Amino acid sequence: QLSYLNSLGCDVVQGYLFGRAISLNQLAQQLNSDQLLPK
């Protein structure tokens, strides 16, 4: 699906291929624990 949409020039895709939906709190915990942000 991703390849097909890329071939059409689709700007943005979203879906389970990239990750399941999570709450804002879960996202904040992931970002803070993965050290993607300054400490």
All heavy atoms as atom14 arrays in JSON, in Angstrom:
{
  "sequence": "QLSYLNSLGCDVVQGYLFGRAISLNQLAQQLNSDQLLPK",
  "atom14_mask": [
    [1, 1, 1, 1, 1, 1, 1, 1, 1, 0, 0, 0, 0, 0],
    [1, 1, 1, 1, 1, 1, 1, 1, 0, 0, 0, 0, 0, 0],
    [1, 1, 1, 1, 1, 1, 0, 0, 0, 0, 0, 0, 0, 0],
    [1, 1, 1, 1, 1, 1, 1, 1, 1, 1, 1, 1, 0, 0],
    [1, 1, 1, 1, 1, 1, 1, 1, 0, 0, 0, 0, 0, 0],
    [1, 1, 1, 1, 1, 1, 1, 1, 0, 0, 0, 0, 0, 0],
    [1, 1, 1, 1, 1, 1, 0, 0, 0, 0, 0, 0, 0, 0],
    [1, 1, 1, 1, 1, 1, 1, 1, 0, 0, 0, 0, 0, 0],
    [1, 1, 1, 1, 0, 0, 0, 0, 0, 0, 0, 0, 0, 0],
    [1, 1, 1, 1, 1, 1, 0, 0, 0, 0, 0, 0, 0, 0],
    [1, 1, 1, 1, 1, 1, 1, 1, 0, 0, 0, 0, 0, 0],
    [1, 1, 1, 1, 1, 1, 1, 0, 0, 0, 0, 0, 0, 0],
    [1, 1, 1, 1, 1, 1, 1, 0, 0, 0, 0, 0, 0, 0],
    [1, 1, 1, 1, 1, 1, 1, 1, 1, 0, 0, 0, 0, 0],
    [1, 1, 1, 1, 0, 0, 0, 0, 0, 0, 0, 0, 0, 0],
    [1, 1, 1, 1, 1, 1, 1, 1, 1, 1, 1, 1, 0, 0],
    [1, 1, 1, 1, 1, 1, 1, 1, 0, 0, 0, 0, 0, 0],
    [1, 1, 1, 1, 1, 1, 1, 1, 1, 1, 1, 0, 0, 0],
    [1, 1, 1, 1, 0, 0, 0, 0, 0, 0, 0, 0, 0, 0],
    [1, 1, 1, 1, 1, 1, 1, 1, 1, 1, 1, 0, 0, 0],
    [1, 1, 1, 1, 1, 0, 0, 0, 0, 0, 0, 0, 0, 0],
    [1, 1, 1, 1, 1, 1, 1, 1, 0, 0, 0, 0, 0, 0],
    [1, 1, 1, 1, 1, 1, 0, 0, 0, 0, 0, 0, 0, 0],
    [1, 1, 1, 1, 1, 1, 1, 1, 0, 0, 0, 0, 0, 0],
    [1, 1, 1, 1, 1, 1, 1, 1, 0, 0, 0, 0, 0, 0],
    [1, 1, 1, 1, 1, 1, 1, 1, 1, 0, 0, 0, 0, 0],
    [1, 1, 1, 1, 1, 1, 1, 1, 0, 0, 0, 0, 0, 0],
    [1, 1, 1, 1, 1, 0, 0, 0, 0, 0, 0, 0, 0, 0],
    [1, 1, 1, 1, 1, 1, 1, 1, 1, 0, 0, 0, 0, 0],
    [1, 1, 1, 1, 1, 1, 1, 1, 1, 0, 0, 0, 0, 0],
    [1, 1, 1, 1, 1, 1, 1, 1, 0, 0, 0, 0, 0, 0],
    [1, 1, 1, 1, 1, 1, 1, 1, 0, 0, 0, 0, 0, 0],
    [1, 1, 1, 1, 1, 1, 0, 0, 0, 0, 0, 0, 0, 0],
    [1, 1, 1, 1, 1, 1, 1, 1, 0, 0, 0, 0, 0, 0],
    [1, 1, 1, 1, 1, 1, 1, 1, 1, 0, 0, 0, 0, 0],
    [1, 1, 1, 1, 1, 1, 1, 1, 0, 0, 0, 0, 0, 0],
    [1, 1, 1, 1, 1, 1, 1, 1, 0, 0, 0, 0, 0, 0],
    [1, 1, 1, 1, 1, 1, 1, 0, 0, 0, 0, 0, 0, 0],
    [1, 1, 1, 1, 1, 1, 1, 1, 1, 0, 0, 0, 0, 0]
  ],
  "atom14_positions": [
    [[0.84, -1.21, 0.0], [0.0, 0.0, 0.0], [0.87, 1.25, 0.0], [0.62, 2.19, -0.75], [-0.93, 0.0, 1.21], [-1.97, -1.09, 1.17], [-2.66, -1.29, 2.51], [-2.15, -0.91, 3.56], [-3.83, -1.92, 2.46], [0.0, 0.0, 0.0], [0.0, 0.0, 0.0], [0.0, 0.0, 0.0], [0.0, 0.0, 0.0], [0.0, 0.0, 0.0]],
    [[1.89, 1.25, 0.85], [2.79, 2.39, 0.93], [3.47, 2.65, -0.41], [3.53, 3.79, -0.88], [3.84, 2.16, 2.02], [4.89, 3.25, 2.18], [4.25, 4.58, 2.56], [5.92, 2.83, 3.22], [0.0, 0.0, 0.0], [0.0, 0.0, 0.0], [0.0, 0.0, 0.0], [0.0, 0.0, 0.0], [0.0, 0.0, 0.0], [0.0, 0.0, 0.0]],
    [[3.97, 1.61, -1.03], [4.64, 1.73, -2.31], [3.69, 2.29, -3.38], [4.06, 3.16, -4.17], [5.19, 0.37, -2.74], [5.82, 0.46, -3.98], [0.0, 0.0, 0.0], [0.0, 0.0, 0.0], [0.0, 0.0, 0.0], [0.0, 0.0, 0.0], [0.0, 0.0, 0.0], [0.0, 0.0, 0.0], [0.0, 0.0, 0.0], [0.0, 0.0, 0.0]],
    [[2.48, 1.76, -3.4], [1.49, 2.22, -4.38], [1.17, 3.71, -4.19], [1.15, 4.48, -5.14], [0.22, 1.38, -4.29], [-0.78, 1.69, -5.37], [-0.6, 1.18, -6.64], [-1.87, 2.52, -5.12], [-1.51, 1.47, -7.65], [-2.77, 2.81, -6.12], [-2.58, 2.29, -7.39], [-3.48, 2.59, -8.38], [0.0, 0.0, 0.0], [0.0, 0.0, 0.0]],
    [[0.96, 4.1, -2.94], [0.64, 5.5, -2.65], [1.83, 6.4, -2.97], [1.65, 7.52, -3.49], [0.21, 5.65, -1.2], [-1.13, 4.99, -0.88], [-1.31, 4.82, 0.61], [-2.28, 5.78, -1.49], [0.0, 0.0, 0.0], [0.0, 0.0, 0.0], [0.0, 0.0, 0.0], [0.0, 0.0, 0.0], [0.0, 0.0, 0.0], [0.0, 0.0, 0.0]],
    [[3.04, 5.94, -2.69], [4.23, 6.71, -3.05], [4.32, 6.89, -4.55], [4.69, 7.96, -5.04], [5.51, 6.03, -2.53], [5.74, 6.28, -1.07], [5.26, 7.23, -0.5], [6.49, 5.38, -0.44], [0.0, 0.0, 0.0], [0.0, 0.0, 0.0], [0.0, 0.0, 0.0], [0.0, 0.0, 0.0], [0.0, 0.0, 0.0], [0.0, 0.0, 0.0]],
    [[3.97, 5.86, -5.3], [4.03, 5.95, -6.76], [3.04, 6.97, -7.3], [3.26, 7.55, -8.37], [3.8, 4.59, -7.41], [2.43, 4.21, -7.35], [0.0, 0.0, 0.0], [0.0, 0.0, 0.0], [0.0, 0.0, 0.0], [0.0, 0.0, 0.0], [0.0, 0.0, 0.0], [0.0, 0.0, 0.0], [0.0, 0.0, 0.0], [0.0, 0.0, 0.0]],
    [[1.96, 7.2, -6.56], [0.98, 8.2, -6.96], [1.37, 9.6, -6.52], [0.74, 10.58, -6.92], [-0.4, 7.87, -6.37], [-1.07, 6.59, -6.85], [-2.39, 6.38, -6.12], [-1.29, 6.63, -8.36], [0.0, 0.0, 0.0], [0.0, 0.0, 0.0], [0.0, 0.0, 0.0], [0.0, 0.0, 0.0], [0.0, 0.0, 0.0], [0.0, 0.0, 0.0]],
    [[2.4, 9.69, -5.67], [2.84, 10.99, -5.18], [2.03, 11.46, -3.98], [1.9, 12.66, -3.75], [0.0, 0.0, 0.0], [0.0, 0.0, 0.0], [0.0, 0.0, 0.0], [0.0, 0.0, 0.0], [0.0, 0.0, 0.0], [0.0, 0.0, 0.0], [0.0, 0.0, 0.0], [0.0, 0.0, 0.0], [0.0, 0.0, 0.0], [0.0, 0.0, 0.0]],
    [[1.5, 10.51, -3.2], [0.73, 10.87, -2.02], [1.64, 11.56, -1.0], [2.72, 11.07, -0.69], [0.12, 9.61, -1.43], [-1.11, 9.94, -0.18], [0.0, 0.0, 0.0], [0.0, 0.0, 0.0], [0.0, 0.0, 0.0], [0.0, 0.0, 0.0], [0.0, 0.0, 0.0], [0.0, 0.0, 0.0], [0.0, 0.0, 0.0], [0.0, 0.0, 0.0]],
    [[1.2, 12.7, -0.48], [2.02, 13.53, 0.41], [2.27, 12.93, 1.79], [3.39, 12.92, 2.28], [1.34, 14.89, 0.63], [1.16, 15.66, -0.65], [2.15, 15.84, -1.38], [0.02, 16.08, -0.91], [0.0, 0.0, 0.0], [0.0, 0.0, 0.0], [0.0, 0.0, 0.0], [0.0, 0.0, 0.0], [0.0, 0.0, 0.0], [0.0, 0.0, 0.0]],
    [[1.22, 12.43, 2.41], [1.3, 11.96, 3.8], [0.51, 10.66, 3.91], [-0.59, 10.54, 3.36], [0.71, 13.0, 4.78], [0.73, 12.5, 6.2], [1.46, 14.32, 4.67], [0.0, 0.0, 0.0], [0.0, 0.0, 0.0], [0.0, 0.0, 0.0], [0.0, 0.0, 0.0], [0.0, 0.0, 0.0], [0.0, 0.0, 0.0], [0.0, 0.0, 0.0]],
    [[1.07, 9.7, 4.64], [0.36, 8.46, 4.92], [0.38, 8.22, 6.42], [1.29, 8.66, 7.11], [0.96, 7.26, 4.16], [0.8, 7.4, 2.67], [2.41, 7.05, 4.51], [0.0, 0.0, 0.0], [0.0, 0.0, 0.0], [0.0, 0.0, 0.0], [0.0, 0.0, 0.0], [0.0, 0.0, 0.0], [0.0, 0.0, 0.0], [0.0, 0.0, 0.0]],
    [[-0.62, 7.54, 6.88], [-0.69, 7.17, 8.29], [-1.33, 5.81, 8.4], [-2.08, 5.39, 7.53], [-1.47, 8.21, 9.1], [-2.92, 8.36, 8.69], [-3.61, 9.51, 9.4], [-3.08, 10.6, 9.47], [-4.81, 9.26, 9.88], [0.0, 0.0, 0.0], [0.0, 0.0, 0.0], [0.0, 0.0, 0.0], [0.0, 0.0, 0.0], [0.0, 0.0, 0.0]],
    [[-0.99, 5.09, 9.45], [-1.59, 3.79, 9.64], [-0.74, 2.9, 10.51], [0.34, 3.28, 10.98], [0.0, 0.0, 0.0], [0.0, 0.0, 0.0], [0.0, 0.0, 0.0], [0.0, 0.0, 0.0], [0.0, 0.0, 0.0], [0.0, 0.0, 0.0], [0.0, 0.0, 0.0], [0.0, 0.0, 0.0], [0.0, 0.0, 0.0], [0.0, 0.0, 0.0]],
    [[-1.21, 1.68, 10.71], [-0.56, 0.73, 11.6], [0.81, 0.3, 11.11], [1.6, -0.23, 11.88], [-1.43, -0.5, 11.81], [-2.66, -0.24, 12.66], [-3.78, -1.05, 12.53], [-2.71, 0.8, 13.57], [-4.91, -0.83, 13.3], [-3.83, 1.03, 14.34], [-4.92, 0.21, 14.2], [-6.03, 0.42, 14.96], [0.0, 0.0, 0.0], [0.0, 0.0, 0.0]],
    [[1.12, 0.51, 9.83], [2.46, 0.2, 9.35], [3.5, 0.99, 10.13], [4.6, 0.51, 10.36], [2.56, 0.54, 7.85], [3.91, 0.28, 7.19], [4.28, -1.21, 7.25], [3.9, 0.76, 5.75], [0.0, 0.0, 0.0], [0.0, 0.0, 0.0], [0.0, 0.0, 0.0], [0.0, 0.0, 0.0], [0.0, 0.0, 0.0], [0.0, 0.0, 0.0]],
    [[3.12, 2.17, 10.59], [4.05, 3.04, 11.3], [3.89, 2.97, 12.81], [4.8, 3.35, 13.54], [3.86, 4.48, 10.83], [3.94, 4.59, 9.34], [2.79, 4.69, 8.59], [5.16, 4.52, 8.7], [2.86, 4.76, 7.2], [5.24, 4.57, 7.32], [4.08, 4.7, 6.58], [0.0, 0.0, 0.0], [0.0, 0.0, 0.0], [0.0, 0.0, 0.0]],
    [[2.76, 2.53, 13.29], [2.54, 2.39, 14.72], [1.07, 2.49, 15.07], [0.28, 3.09, 14.35], [0.0, 0.0, 0.0], [0.0, 0.0, 0.0], [0.0, 0.0, 0.0], [0.0, 0.0, 0.0], [0.0, 0.0, 0.0], [0.0, 0.0, 0.0], [0.0, 0.0, 0.0], [0.0, 0.0, 0.0], [0.0, 0.0, 0.0], [0.0, 0.0, 0.0]],
    [[0.74, 1.87, 16.16], [-0.64, 1.92, 16.66], [-0.92, 3.27, 17.29], [0.0, 3.96, 17.75], [-0.85, 0.83, 17.72], [-0.62, -0.57, 17.2], [-1.87, -1.09, 16.59], [-1.62, -2.45, 16.08], [-2.45, -3.05, 15.26], [-3.53, -2.46, 14.86], [-2.19, -4.25, 14.82], [0.0, 0.0, 0.0], [0.0, 0.0, 0.0], [0.0, 0.0, 0.0]],
    [[-2.17, 3.64, 17.34], [-2.55, 4.88, 18.0], [-2.25, 4.78, 19.49], [-2.46, 3.72, 20.1], [-4.04, 5.14, 17.79], [0.0, 0.0, 0.0], [0.0, 0.0, 0.0], [0.0, 0.0, 0.0], [0.0, 0.0, 0.0], [0.0, 0.0, 0.0], [0.0, 0.0, 0.0], [0.0, 0.0, 0.0], [0.0, 0.0, 0.0], [0.0, 0.0, 0.0]],
    [[-1.72, 5.85, 20.06], [-1.43, 5.9, 21.49], [-1.94, 7.22, 22.05], [-2.14, 8.19, 21.3], [0.08, 5.72, 21.79], [0.91, 6.82, 21.12], [0.56, 4.34, 21.38], [2.38, 6.79, 21.49], [0.0, 0.0, 0.0], [0.0, 0.0, 0.0], [0.0, 0.0, 0.0], [0.0, 0.0, 0.0], [0.0, 0.0, 0.0], [0.0, 0.0, 0.0]],
    [[-2.11, 7.25, 23.35], [-2.58, 8.46, 24.0], [-1.46, 9.5, 24.06], [-0.27, 9.17, 23.91], [-3.08, 8.16, 25.42], [-1.97, 7.86, 26.25], [0.0, 0.0, 0.0], [0.0, 0.0, 0.0], [0.0, 0.0, 0.0], [0.0, 0.0, 0.0], [0.0, 0.0, 0.0], [0.0, 0.0, 0.0], [0.0, 0.0, 0.0], [0.0, 0.0, 0.0]],
    [[-1.82, 10.72, 24.32], [-0.83, 11.79, 24.46], [0.13, 11.49, 25.6], [1.34, 11.7, 25.49], [-1.53, 13.13, 24.69], [-0.63, 14.35, 24.8], [0.25, 14.52, 23.57], [-1.46, 15.59, 25.03], [0.0, 0.0, 0.0], [0.0, 0.0, 0.0], [0.0, 0.0, 0.0], [0.0, 0.0, 0.0], [0.0, 0.0, 0.0], [0.0, 0.0, 0.0]],
    [[-0.4, 10.95, 26.71], [0.47, 10.59, 27.85], [1.48, 9.51, 27.46], [2.65, 9.58, 27.85], [-0.36, 10.12, 29.04], [-1.08, 11.27, 29.72], [-0.67, 12.42, 29.6], [-2.17, 10.96, 30.4], [0.0, 0.0, 0.0], [0.0, 0.0, 0.0], [0.0, 0.0, 0.0], [0.0, 0.0, 0.0], [0.0, 0.0, 0.0], [0.0, 0.0, 0.0]],
    [[1.04, 8.51, 26.69], [1.95, 7.46, 26.25], [3.03, 8.03, 25.33], [4.19, 7.66, 25.43], [1.19, 6.36, 25.53], [0.31, 5.51, 26.44], [-0.57, 4.58, 25.63], [-1.21, 4.99, 24.67], [-0.59, 3.31, 26.03], [0.0, 0.0, 0.0], [0.0, 0.0, 0.0], [0.0, 0.0, 0.0], [0.0, 0.0, 0.0], [0.0, 0.0, 0.0]],
    [[2.64, 8.94, 24.45], [3.61, 9.58, 23.56], [4.64, 10.36, 24.36], [5.84, 10.27, 24.11], [2.9, 10.5, 22.57], [3.82, 11.29, 21.64], [4.66, 10.36, 20.77], [3.0, 12.24, 20.79], [0.0, 0.0, 0.0], [0.0, 0.0, 0.0], [0.0, 0.0, 0.0], [0.0, 0.0, 0.0], [0.0, 0.0, 0.0], [0.0, 0.0, 0.0]],
    [[4.17, 11.12, 25.34], [5.08, 11.9, 26.18], [6.06, 10.98, 26.91], [7.26, 11.27, 26.97], [4.29, 12.74, 27.18], [0.0, 0.0, 0.0], [0.0, 0.0, 0.0], [0.0, 0.0, 0.0], [0.0, 0.0, 0.0], [0.0, 0.0, 0.0], [0.0, 0.0, 0.0], [0.0, 0.0, 0.0], [0.0, 0.0, 0.0], [0.0, 0.0, 0.0]],
    [[5.56, 9.85, 27.42], [6.43, 8.91, 28.12], [7.48, 8.32, 27.17], [8.65, 8.2, 27.51], [5.62, 7.77, 28.74], [4.82, 8.2, 29.94], [3.88, 7.1, 30.43], [3.75, 6.04, 29.82], [3.22, 7.36, 31.55], [0.0, 0.0, 0.0], [0.0, 0.0, 0.0], [0.0, 0.0, 0.0], [0.0, 0.0, 0.0], [0.0, 0.0, 0.0]],
    [[7.05, 7.98, 25.95], [7.99, 7.44, 24.97], [9.06, 8.46, 24.61], [10.24, 8.13, 24.57], [7.26, 7.02, 23.69], [6.65, 5.67, 23.75], [6.1, 5.25, 22.4], [6.03, 6.03, 21.45], [5.69, 4.0, 22.3], [0.0, 0.0, 0.0], [0.0, 0.0, 0.0], [0.0, 0.0, 0.0], [0.0, 0.0, 0.0], [0.0, 0.0, 0.0]],
    [[8.65, 9.68, 24.35], [9.61, 10.71, 23.99], [10.59, 10.99, 25.11], [11.79, 11.13, 24.89], [8.9, 12.0, 23.57], [8.14, 11.93, 22.24], [7.34, 13.2, 22.03], [9.08, 11.68, 21.08], [0.0, 0.0, 0.0], [0.0, 0.0, 0.0], [0.0, 0.0, 0.0], [0.0, 0.0, 0.0], [0.0, 0.0, 0.0], [0.0, 0.0, 0.0]],
    [[10.07, 11.05, 26.34], [10.94, 11.32, 27.48], [11.87, 10.15, 27.78], [13.04, 10.34, 28.1], [10.12, 11.67, 28.72], [9.5, 13.06, 28.61], [10.1, 13.96, 28.04], [8.31, 13.22, 29.16], [0.0, 0.0, 0.0], [0.0, 0.0, 0.0], [0.0, 0.0, 0.0], [0.0, 0.0, 0.0], [0.0, 0.0, 0.0], [0.0, 0.0, 0.0]],
    [[11.39, 8.92, 27.65], [12.22, 7.76, 27.97], [13.23, 7.44, 26.88], [14.3, 6.9, 27.16], [11.35, 6.54, 28.25], [10.71, 6.11, 27.07], [0.0, 0.0, 0.0], [0.0, 0.0, 0.0], [0.0, 0.0, 0.0], [0.0, 0.0, 0.0], [0.0, 0.0, 0.0], [0.0, 0.0, 0.0], [0.0, 0.0, 0.0], [0.0, 0.0, 0.0]],
    [[12.91, 7.74, 25.64], [13.83, 7.44, 24.53], [14.92, 8.49, 24.38], [15.76, 8.39, 23.49], [13.06, 7.33, 23.22], [12.2, 6.07, 23.15], [12.45, 5.14, 23.93], [11.31, 6.04, 22.31], [0.0, 0.0, 0.0], [0.0, 0.0, 0.0], [0.0, 0.0, 0.0], [0.0, 0.0, 0.0], [0.0, 0.0, 0.0], [0.0, 0.0, 0.0]],
    [[14.89, 9.47, 25.22], [15.89, 10.54, 25.21], [15.99, 11.22, 23.85], [17.07, 11.57, 23.4], [17.24, 10.02, 25.68], [17.2, 9.49, 27.09], [18.53, 8.9, 27.53], [19.48, 8.86, 26.77], [18.58, 8.48, 28.77], [0.0, 0.0, 0.0], [0.0, 0.0, 0.0], [0.0, 0.0, 0.0], [0.0, 0.0, 0.0], [0.0, 0.0, 0.0]],
    [[14.84, 11.38, 23.2], [14.82, 12.1, 21.93], [14.86, 13.6, 22.17], [15.11, 14.36, 21.26], [13.54, 11.74, 21.14], [13.41, 10.28, 20.71], [12.06, 10.04, 20.09], [14.52, 9.92, 19.74], [0.0, 0.0, 0.0], [0.0, 0.0, 0.0], [0.0, 0.0, 0.0], [0.0, 0.0, 0.0], [0.0, 0.0, 0.0], [0.0, 0.0, 0.0]],
    [[14.63, 13.98, 23.4], [14.62, 15.39, 23.78], [15.75, 15.65, 24.76], [16.24, 14.72, 25.41], [13.28, 15.75, 24.44], [12.03, 15.54, 23.58], [10.8, 15.71, 24.43], [12.03, 16.5, 22.42], [0.0, 0.0, 0.0], [0.0, 0.0, 0.0], [0.0, 0.0, 0.0], [0.0, 0.0, 0.0], [0.0, 0.0, 0.0], [0.0, 0.0, 0.0]],
    [[16.16, 16.9, 24.91], [17.14, 17.2, 25.95], [16.63, 16.75, 27.3], [15.42, 16.72, 27.56], [17.26, 18.73, 25.89], [16.76, 19.1, 24.53], [15.76, 18.05, 24.14], [0.0, 0.0, 0.0], [0.0, 0.0, 0.0], [0.0, 0.0, 0.0], [0.0, 0.0, 0.0], [0.0, 0.0, 0.0], [0.0, 0.0, 0.0], [0.0, 0.0, 0.0]],
    [[17.53, 16.41, 28.23], [17.13, 15.85, 29.51], [16.24, 16.78, 30.33], [15.4, 16.34, 31.07], [18.35, 15.47, 30.33], [19.07, 14.29, 29.75], [20.2, 13.83, 30.63], [20.85, 12.65, 29.95], [21.65, 11.85, 30.81], [0.0, 0.0, 0.0], [0.0, 0.0, 0.0], [0.0, 0.0, 0.0], [0.0, 0.0, 0.0], [0.0, 0.0, 0.0]]
  ]
}
